[in-house]
Protein backbone atom coordinates (compact mmCIF):
# COMPACT_ATOMS: atom_id res chain seq x y z
CA UNK A 1 -0.07 -0.01 -0.07
CA UNK A 2 1.18 3.66 -0.65
CA UNK A 3 0.12 6.93 1.12
CA UNK A 4 0.40 10.21 -0.05
CA UNK A 5 -0.22 13.43 1.91
CA UNK A 6 -0.34 17.16 1.16
CA UNK A 7 3.36 17.53 1.36
CA UNK A 8 4.23 14.75 -1.25
CA UNK A 9 6.13 15.64 -4.36
CA UNK A 10 7.36 13.31 -6.93
CA UNK A 11 9.06 9.96 -6.57
CA UNK A 12 8.12 6.73 -5.02
CA UNK A 13 6.12 7.53 -1.82
CA UNK A 14 7.13 6.50 1.70
CA UNK A 15 4.06 4.49 3.12
CA UNK A 16 4.22 6.79 6.31
CA UNK A 17 4.39 10.11 4.32
CA UNK A 18 1.90 12.69 5.15
CA UNK A 19 1.48 11.07 8.65
CA UNK A 20 3.65 13.89 10.53
CA UNK A 21 2.35 14.83 13.81
CA UNK A 22 -0.11 17.81 13.26
CA UNK A 23 0.09 20.75 15.20
CA UNK A 24 -1.74 20.76 18.55
CA UNK A 25 -3.51 23.51 20.63
CA UNK A 26 -0.39 24.00 22.72
CA UNK A 27 1.79 24.11 19.59
CA UNK A 28 -0.52 27.30 18.56
CA UNK A 29 -0.29 28.77 21.87
CA UNK A 30 3.43 28.71 22.20
CA UNK A 31 3.60 30.05 18.46
CA UNK A 32 1.25 32.93 19.60
CA UNK A 33 2.86 33.79 22.88
CA UNK A 34 -0.31 32.77 24.74
CA UNK A 35 -1.91 30.13 27.11
CA UNK A 36 -3.73 27.33 25.54
CA UNK A 37 -6.92 28.46 27.21
CA UNK A 38 -6.80 31.70 25.29
CA UNK A 39 -6.17 29.64 21.95
CA UNK A 40 -9.42 27.79 23.13
CA UNK A 41 -11.53 31.09 23.72
CA UNK A 42 -10.53 32.09 20.14
CA UNK A 43 -11.35 28.88 18.60
CA UNK A 44 -14.82 28.99 20.28
CA UNK A 45 -15.33 32.56 19.52
CA UNK A 46 -15.50 33.93 23.06
CA UNK A 47 -15.93 37.78 23.33
CA UNK A 48 -13.41 38.41 26.16
CA UNK A 49 -10.27 38.23 23.75
CA UNK A 50 -8.51 41.28 22.73
CA UNK A 51 -8.46 41.86 19.05
CA UNK A 52 -4.71 42.09 18.76
CA UNK A 53 -4.52 38.60 20.63
CA UNK A 54 -7.26 37.09 18.56
CA UNK A 55 -5.36 37.91 15.30
CA UNK A 56 -1.98 36.80 16.63
CA UNK A 57 -3.64 33.27 17.49
CA UNK A 58 -5.50 33.01 14.12
CA UNK A 59 -2.19 33.82 12.40
CA UNK A 60 -0.35 31.12 14.32
CA UNK A 61 -3.48 28.61 13.55
CA UNK A 62 -2.87 29.51 9.71
CA UNK A 63 0.90 29.14 9.61
CA UNK A 64 0.73 25.72 11.58
CA UNK A 65 -2.10 24.42 9.75
CA UNK A 66 -4.05 23.84 12.79
CA UNK A 67 -7.34 21.71 12.78
CA UNK A 68 -9.46 21.42 15.80
CA UNK A 69 -9.54 18.27 17.64
CA UNK A 70 -12.98 16.58 16.65
CA UNK A 71 -13.75 15.22 20.22
CA UNK A 72 -13.15 18.73 21.68
CA UNK A 73 -15.30 20.18 19.10
CA UNK A 74 -18.15 17.61 20.15
CA UNK A 75 -17.90 18.42 23.84
CA UNK A 76 -17.76 22.17 23.22
CA UNK A 77 -21.04 22.20 20.70
CA UNK A 78 -22.84 19.16 21.34
CA UNK A 79 -22.30 18.22 17.54
CA UNK A 80 -20.71 14.93 16.79
CA UNK A 81 -18.37 15.01 13.77
CA UNK A 82 -19.02 12.30 11.36
CA UNK A 83 -17.46 11.07 8.29
CA UNK A 84 -19.21 10.61 4.85
CA UNK A 85 -18.04 8.35 2.11
CA UNK A 86 -18.45 9.35 -1.65
CA UNK A 87 -18.75 6.44 -3.75
CA UNK A 88 -20.31 5.33 -6.98
CA UNK A 89 -20.76 1.75 -6.37
CA UNK A 90 -21.55 -0.17 -3.17
CA UNK A 91 -21.92 -3.70 -4.76
CA UNK A 92 -18.97 -4.71 -6.57
CA UNK A 93 -16.49 -6.44 -4.23
CA UNK A 94 -13.52 -3.89 -4.24
CA UNK A 95 -16.07 -1.15 -3.28
CA UNK A 96 -17.72 -3.15 -0.35
CA UNK A 97 -14.75 -4.38 1.00
CA UNK A 98 -13.34 -1.05 1.10
CA UNK A 99 -16.52 0.33 2.91
CA UNK A 100 -16.40 -2.65 5.40
CA UNK A 101 -12.78 -1.44 6.19
CA UNK A 102 -13.88 2.15 6.71
CA UNK A 103 -16.97 1.29 8.83
CA UNK A 104 -15.25 -0.95 11.08
CA UNK A 105 -12.35 1.84 11.55
CA UNK A 106 -14.86 4.39 11.85
CA UNK A 107 -16.96 2.56 14.53
CA UNK A 108 -13.63 1.57 16.71
CA UNK A 109 -12.67 5.29 16.73
CA UNK A 110 -16.37 6.47 17.59
CA UNK A 111 -17.29 8.18 14.42
CA UNK A 112 -20.75 7.78 12.65
CA UNK A 113 -20.26 7.04 8.99
CA UNK A 114 -22.72 7.82 6.33
CA UNK A 115 -22.62 6.61 2.56
CA UNK A 116 -23.50 8.93 -0.28
CA UNK A 117 -23.63 7.27 -3.54
CA UNK A 118 -22.83 9.50 -6.46
CA UNK A 119 -24.54 8.95 -9.91
CA UNK A 120 -23.74 10.48 -13.43
CA UNK A 121 -26.83 12.69 -12.99
CA UNK A 122 -25.81 14.33 -9.65
CA UNK A 123 -24.46 17.85 -9.40
CA UNK A 124 -21.30 16.84 -7.81
CA UNK A 125 -20.55 20.34 -6.32
CA UNK A 126 -23.98 20.34 -4.32
CA UNK A 127 -23.51 16.56 -3.38
CA UNK A 128 -20.24 17.40 -2.12
CA UNK A 129 -21.30 20.58 -0.15
CA UNK A 130 -24.23 18.78 1.18
CA UNK A 131 -21.91 15.77 2.42
CA UNK A 132 -19.46 18.39 3.81
CA UNK A 133 -22.03 19.91 5.93
CA UNK A 134 -21.88 17.09 8.46
CA UNK A 135 -19.04 18.72 10.25
CA UNK A 136 -16.69 16.03 9.65
CA UNK A 137 -14.75 14.99 6.79
CA UNK A 138 -14.94 13.18 3.46
CA UNK A 139 -13.60 10.11 2.20
CA UNK A 140 -13.89 9.63 -1.55
CA UNK A 141 -13.40 6.29 -3.23
CA UNK A 142 -12.09 7.08 -6.61
CA UNK A 143 -11.83 3.63 -8.16
CA UNK A 144 -13.60 4.78 -11.26
CA UNK A 145 -14.09 8.03 -13.40
CA UNK A 146 -16.85 9.35 -11.41
CA UNK A 147 -15.17 8.69 -8.07
CA UNK A 148 -12.19 10.43 -9.45
CA UNK A 149 -14.24 13.42 -10.67
CA UNK A 150 -15.89 13.75 -7.32
CA UNK A 151 -12.45 13.99 -5.70
CA UNK A 152 -11.38 16.66 -7.87
CA UNK A 153 -14.14 18.86 -7.05
CA UNK A 154 -13.89 18.55 -3.16
CA UNK A 155 -12.78 22.10 -1.77
CA UNK A 156 -9.38 22.16 -0.53
CA UNK A 157 -10.36 23.48 3.06
CA UNK A 158 -12.66 20.34 3.53
CA UNK A 159 -10.85 17.65 5.39
CA UNK A 160 -10.64 14.61 2.78
CA UNK A 161 -8.88 11.44 2.31
CA UNK A 162 -8.96 9.10 -0.83
CA UNK A 163 -8.81 5.98 -2.37
CA UNK A 164 -7.34 5.82 -5.76
CA UNK A 165 -5.85 3.67 -8.41
CA UNK A 166 -2.12 3.48 -8.51
CA UNK A 167 -1.14 6.80 -10.08
CA UNK A 168 1.59 6.90 -12.71
CA UNK A 169 5.32 6.56 -11.35
CA UNK A 170 6.65 9.71 -10.03
CA UNK A 171 3.37 11.24 -9.58
CA UNK A 172 1.08 11.48 -6.37
CA UNK A 173 -2.63 12.78 -5.73
CA UNK A 174 -3.12 16.41 -4.76
CA UNK A 175 -5.23 15.06 -1.77
CA UNK A 176 -4.09 12.62 1.15
CA UNK A 177 -4.89 9.34 -0.47
CA UNK A 178 -4.17 5.44 -0.25
CA UNK A 179 -3.42 2.92 -3.09
CA UNK A 180 -2.30 -0.52 -3.83
CA UNK A 181 0.23 -1.18 -6.38
CA UNK A 182 -1.94 -3.21 -8.68
CA UNK A 183 0.15 -1.95 -11.76
CA UNK A 184 3.23 -4.32 -10.22
CA UNK A 185 0.71 -6.85 -9.48
CA UNK A 186 -0.59 -7.37 -13.03
CA UNK A 187 2.65 -7.39 -14.31
CA UNK A 188 3.38 -10.34 -11.72
CA UNK A 189 0.21 -12.23 -12.80
CA UNK A 190 1.09 -11.70 -16.42
CA UNK A 191 4.72 -12.93 -16.19
CA UNK A 192 3.37 -16.22 -14.32
CA UNK A 193 1.41 -16.96 -17.35
CA UNK A 194 4.14 -16.30 -19.58
CA UNK A 195 6.30 -18.57 -17.50
CA UNK A 196 3.78 -21.28 -17.99
CA UNK A 197 4.71 -21.19 -21.54
CA UNK A 198 1.80 -19.12 -22.88
CA UNK A 199 3.00 -17.19 -25.89
CA UNK A 200 0.60 -14.30 -25.43
CA UNK A 201 -1.81 -13.00 -22.67
CA UNK A 202 -5.11 -11.34 -23.70
CA UNK A 203 -6.81 -8.72 -21.26
CA UNK A 204 -10.13 -8.19 -20.19
CA UNK A 205 -10.24 -4.75 -18.90
CA UNK A 206 -11.99 -2.80 -16.29
CA UNK A 207 -12.65 0.96 -17.06
CA UNK A 208 -9.85 3.32 -16.05
CA UNK A 209 -10.51 6.12 -13.45
CA UNK A 210 -9.23 8.73 -15.78
CA UNK A 211 -9.28 9.22 -19.38
CA UNK A 212 -10.90 7.10 -21.90
CA UNK A 213 -8.46 4.47 -22.91
CA UNK A 214 -8.85 1.07 -20.98
CA UNK A 215 -4.86 0.78 -21.55
CA UNK A 216 -4.40 3.82 -19.30
CA UNK A 217 -5.41 1.73 -16.04
CA UNK A 218 -2.66 0.77 -13.84
CA UNK A 219 -3.66 -3.02 -14.16
CA UNK A 220 -3.41 -2.72 -17.93
CA UNK A 221 -0.24 -1.00 -17.75
CA UNK A 222 1.31 -3.76 -15.81
CA UNK A 223 -0.10 -6.14 -18.20
CA UNK A 224 1.52 -4.27 -21.25
CA UNK A 225 4.70 -3.71 -19.64
CA UNK A 226 5.31 -7.53 -18.85
CA UNK A 227 4.47 -8.35 -22.39
CA UNK A 228 6.66 -5.82 -23.79
CA UNK A 229 9.46 -6.68 -21.52
CA UNK A 230 8.97 -10.21 -22.96
CA UNK A 231 9.30 -9.15 -26.42
CA UNK A 232 5.49 -9.97 -26.81
CA UNK A 233 3.12 -7.48 -28.68
CA UNK A 234 0.04 -6.57 -26.75
CA UNK A 235 -3.05 -7.50 -28.23
CA UNK A 236 -5.98 -5.13 -27.96
CA UNK A 237 -8.03 -5.16 -24.49
CA UNK A 238 -11.31 -6.54 -24.26
CA UNK A 239 -14.12 -5.58 -21.90
CA UNK A 240 -16.67 -2.86 -21.79
CA UNK A 241 -17.60 -2.73 -17.99
CA UNK A 242 -17.04 -4.24 -14.51
CA UNK A 243 -19.48 -6.96 -14.21
CA UNK A 244 -19.93 -10.95 -15.13
CA UNK A 245 -21.99 -10.10 -18.02
CA UNK A 246 -19.07 -7.90 -19.48
CA UNK A 247 -16.72 -10.75 -18.87
CA UNK A 248 -19.09 -13.20 -20.72
CA UNK A 249 -19.30 -10.93 -23.82
CA UNK A 250 -15.86 -10.52 -23.96
CA UNK A 251 -14.92 -14.24 -23.22
CA UNK A 252 -17.29 -15.39 -26.14
CA UNK A 253 -15.06 -13.17 -28.66
CA UNK A 254 -11.74 -14.63 -27.01
CA UNK A 255 -12.96 -18.11 -26.98
CA UNK A 256 -13.40 -18.06 -31.11
CA UNK A 257 -9.89 -17.46 -31.70
CA UNK A 258 -7.84 -20.85 -31.14
CA UNK A 259 -4.63 -18.83 -30.49
CA UNK A 260 -5.83 -17.50 -27.08
CA UNK A 261 -4.56 -19.57 -24.39
CA UNK A 262 -4.22 -17.14 -21.61
CA UNK A 263 -6.56 -14.61 -20.01
CA UNK A 264 -5.83 -12.08 -17.42
CA UNK A 265 -9.02 -10.04 -16.22
CA UNK A 266 -9.31 -6.81 -14.35
CA UNK A 267 -11.55 -8.30 -11.72
CA UNK A 268 -12.86 -11.44 -10.32
CA UNK A 269 -16.45 -10.68 -11.66
CA UNK A 270 -15.09 -10.32 -15.18
CA UNK A 271 -13.26 -13.61 -14.67
CA UNK A 272 -16.46 -15.44 -13.70
CA UNK A 273 -18.14 -14.26 -17.23
CA UNK A 274 -15.07 -15.25 -19.04
CA UNK A 275 -15.13 -18.79 -17.17
CA UNK A 276 -18.80 -19.18 -18.32
CA UNK A 277 -18.10 -18.11 -22.02
CA UNK A 278 -15.02 -20.57 -22.29
CA UNK A 279 -17.29 -23.42 -21.07
CA UNK A 280 -20.16 -22.63 -23.45
CA UNK A 281 -17.44 -22.44 -26.26
CA UNK A 282 -16.06 -25.82 -25.31
CA UNK A 283 -12.90 -24.46 -24.25
CA UNK A 284 -11.51 -26.10 -21.19
CA UNK A 285 -9.93 -24.43 -18.13
CA UNK A 286 -6.91 -24.38 -17.65
CA UNK A 287 -6.20 -27.42 -20.41
CA UNK A 288 -7.13 -25.13 -23.23
CA UNK A 289 -6.97 -21.58 -21.65
CA UNK A 290 -5.77 -20.29 -18.51
CA UNK A 291 -7.67 -17.59 -16.61
CA UNK A 292 -6.48 -15.45 -13.71
CA UNK A 293 -8.86 -12.88 -11.98
CA UNK A 294 -8.06 -10.01 -9.68
CA UNK A 295 -9.19 -8.81 -6.23
CA UNK A 296 -9.78 -12.35 -4.65
CA UNK A 297 -13.56 -11.83 -4.04
CA UNK A 298 -15.09 -14.44 -1.89
CA UNK A 299 -16.44 -16.33 -4.89
CA UNK A 300 -13.38 -16.85 -6.62
CA UNK A 301 -12.07 -19.95 -4.17
CA UNK A 302 -15.44 -21.71 -5.18
CA UNK A 303 -16.18 -21.52 -8.71
CA UNK A 304 -15.20 -24.53 -10.80
CA UNK A 305 -12.39 -24.60 -11.45
CA UNK A 306 -11.37 -22.50 -8.63
CA UNK A 307 -9.95 -19.06 -9.96
CA UNK A 308 -6.34 -18.11 -9.68
CA UNK A 309 -6.47 -14.18 -8.84
CA UNK A 310 -4.54 -11.38 -7.53
CA UNK A 311 -5.66 -10.82 -3.74
CA UNK A 312 -6.17 -7.20 -2.82
CA UNK A 313 -6.40 -6.15 0.67
CA UNK A 314 -9.41 -3.73 0.33
CA UNK A 315 -10.54 -3.89 3.91
CA UNK A 316 -6.84 -2.84 5.08
CA UNK A 317 -6.95 -0.03 2.42
CA UNK A 318 -10.23 1.35 3.95
CA UNK A 319 -8.81 1.25 7.56
CA UNK A 320 -5.79 3.25 6.45
CA UNK A 321 -7.94 5.80 4.63
CA UNK A 322 -10.09 6.42 7.82
CA UNK A 323 -6.90 6.97 9.60
CA UNK A 324 -5.71 9.33 7.03
CA UNK A 325 -8.78 11.27 7.43
CA UNK A 326 -8.85 11.00 11.14
CA UNK A 327 -5.28 12.59 11.62
CA UNK A 328 -6.83 15.60 9.82
CA UNK A 329 -9.90 16.08 11.87
CA UNK A 330 -8.58 14.81 15.63
CA UNK A 331 -5.37 16.31 16.12
CA UNK A 332 -4.64 14.68 19.57
CA UNK A 333 -5.35 11.25 18.13
CA UNK A 334 -2.24 10.48 15.81
CA UNK A 335 -2.49 6.77 15.37
CA UNK A 336 0.04 4.64 13.46
CA UNK A 337 -1.35 4.18 9.93
CA UNK A 338 -2.57 0.50 9.34
CA UNK A 339 -0.44 -1.37 6.79
CA UNK A 340 -2.51 -3.20 4.36
CA UNK A 341 -1.25 -6.43 3.02
CA UNK A 342 0.58 -6.11 -0.42
CA UNK A 343 -1.46 -7.57 -3.31
CA UNK A 344 -0.70 -11.37 -3.69
CA UNK A 345 -0.84 -13.79 -6.49
CA UNK A 346 -3.16 -16.69 -5.18
CA UNK A 347 -2.54 -19.80 -7.48
CA UNK A 348 -5.56 -22.23 -7.66
CA UNK A 349 -7.04 -24.49 -10.58
CA UNK A 350 -7.80 -21.99 -13.53
CA UNK A 351 -4.02 -21.60 -14.48
CA UNK A 352 -1.71 -23.88 -15.80
CA UNK A 353 0.99 -24.64 -18.32
CA UNK A 354 0.04 -24.04 -22.24
CA UNK A 355 -0.83 -27.39 -23.98
CA UNK A 356 1.57 -28.53 -26.56
């Protein structure tokens, strides 16, 4: 897992970057040359503070990037801060497992958590403003174009953490974010199929979170890099969606080509559809065609044949994203960032040596 904060700059990001200790009320007091009780009075809008002192404290707050402790705010105002998750999907495994990790972490920390599903018909600015009015912060699941667009529209002053696709090497998101290196994971899965003797590997793609080209997504990039490194020209990727139906349609076309002996899928739902299409076409798995999925959804172990796939720790990513947001909301609770497991290739029955 990779994490980035506001101060990140190019290069490979340290997993703990962006987790430096946030300024406390006592830091503000020291910088302004006043007591922490005076800082508290300024924050709470108490009238019995001299204007010169108020300005000095406000200058220190701005210079240190101080954010008020969420627990203190709740005690002072009677308003409980909550976390709102913006997502375009709650059903697909990666989204659902991420939400579960977020909810578990928020509940353990005593934060109410709500979910706002965004749709293409939404006025994103109005939706984001409404979500931000909860008085807490936002977590944006930006695995797709709609989620990425919502993240781009979150105002800079709103506390926010994001879960995103792996960005291009040397680049980091503008907002604090977590992601897994699924680019490298896809490369590893493709290399495994090549090592089994397959001359080429076809790819059934998930949509990219940015742009319009399927090849722009990190999983597609990892697949393509592995083929080119082996001196193999990457075939055009297939797929027009996320679900098993999209996988089935792509699989029907691939099954008609006898030269297709290995298929990597952008997620396990696509792989499920591909397996069904190959079965209907009389292509045996893995004897005739090897298939590898992505994500390790719960069903992948129990289909026939059981699915070789890349295991992604979405629960851990969700927990890490909540901790990243909480560090902005609650300056007295700088908990260590949870470190999710790295993506792992899980070998099962659906992949095997190329038939000769």
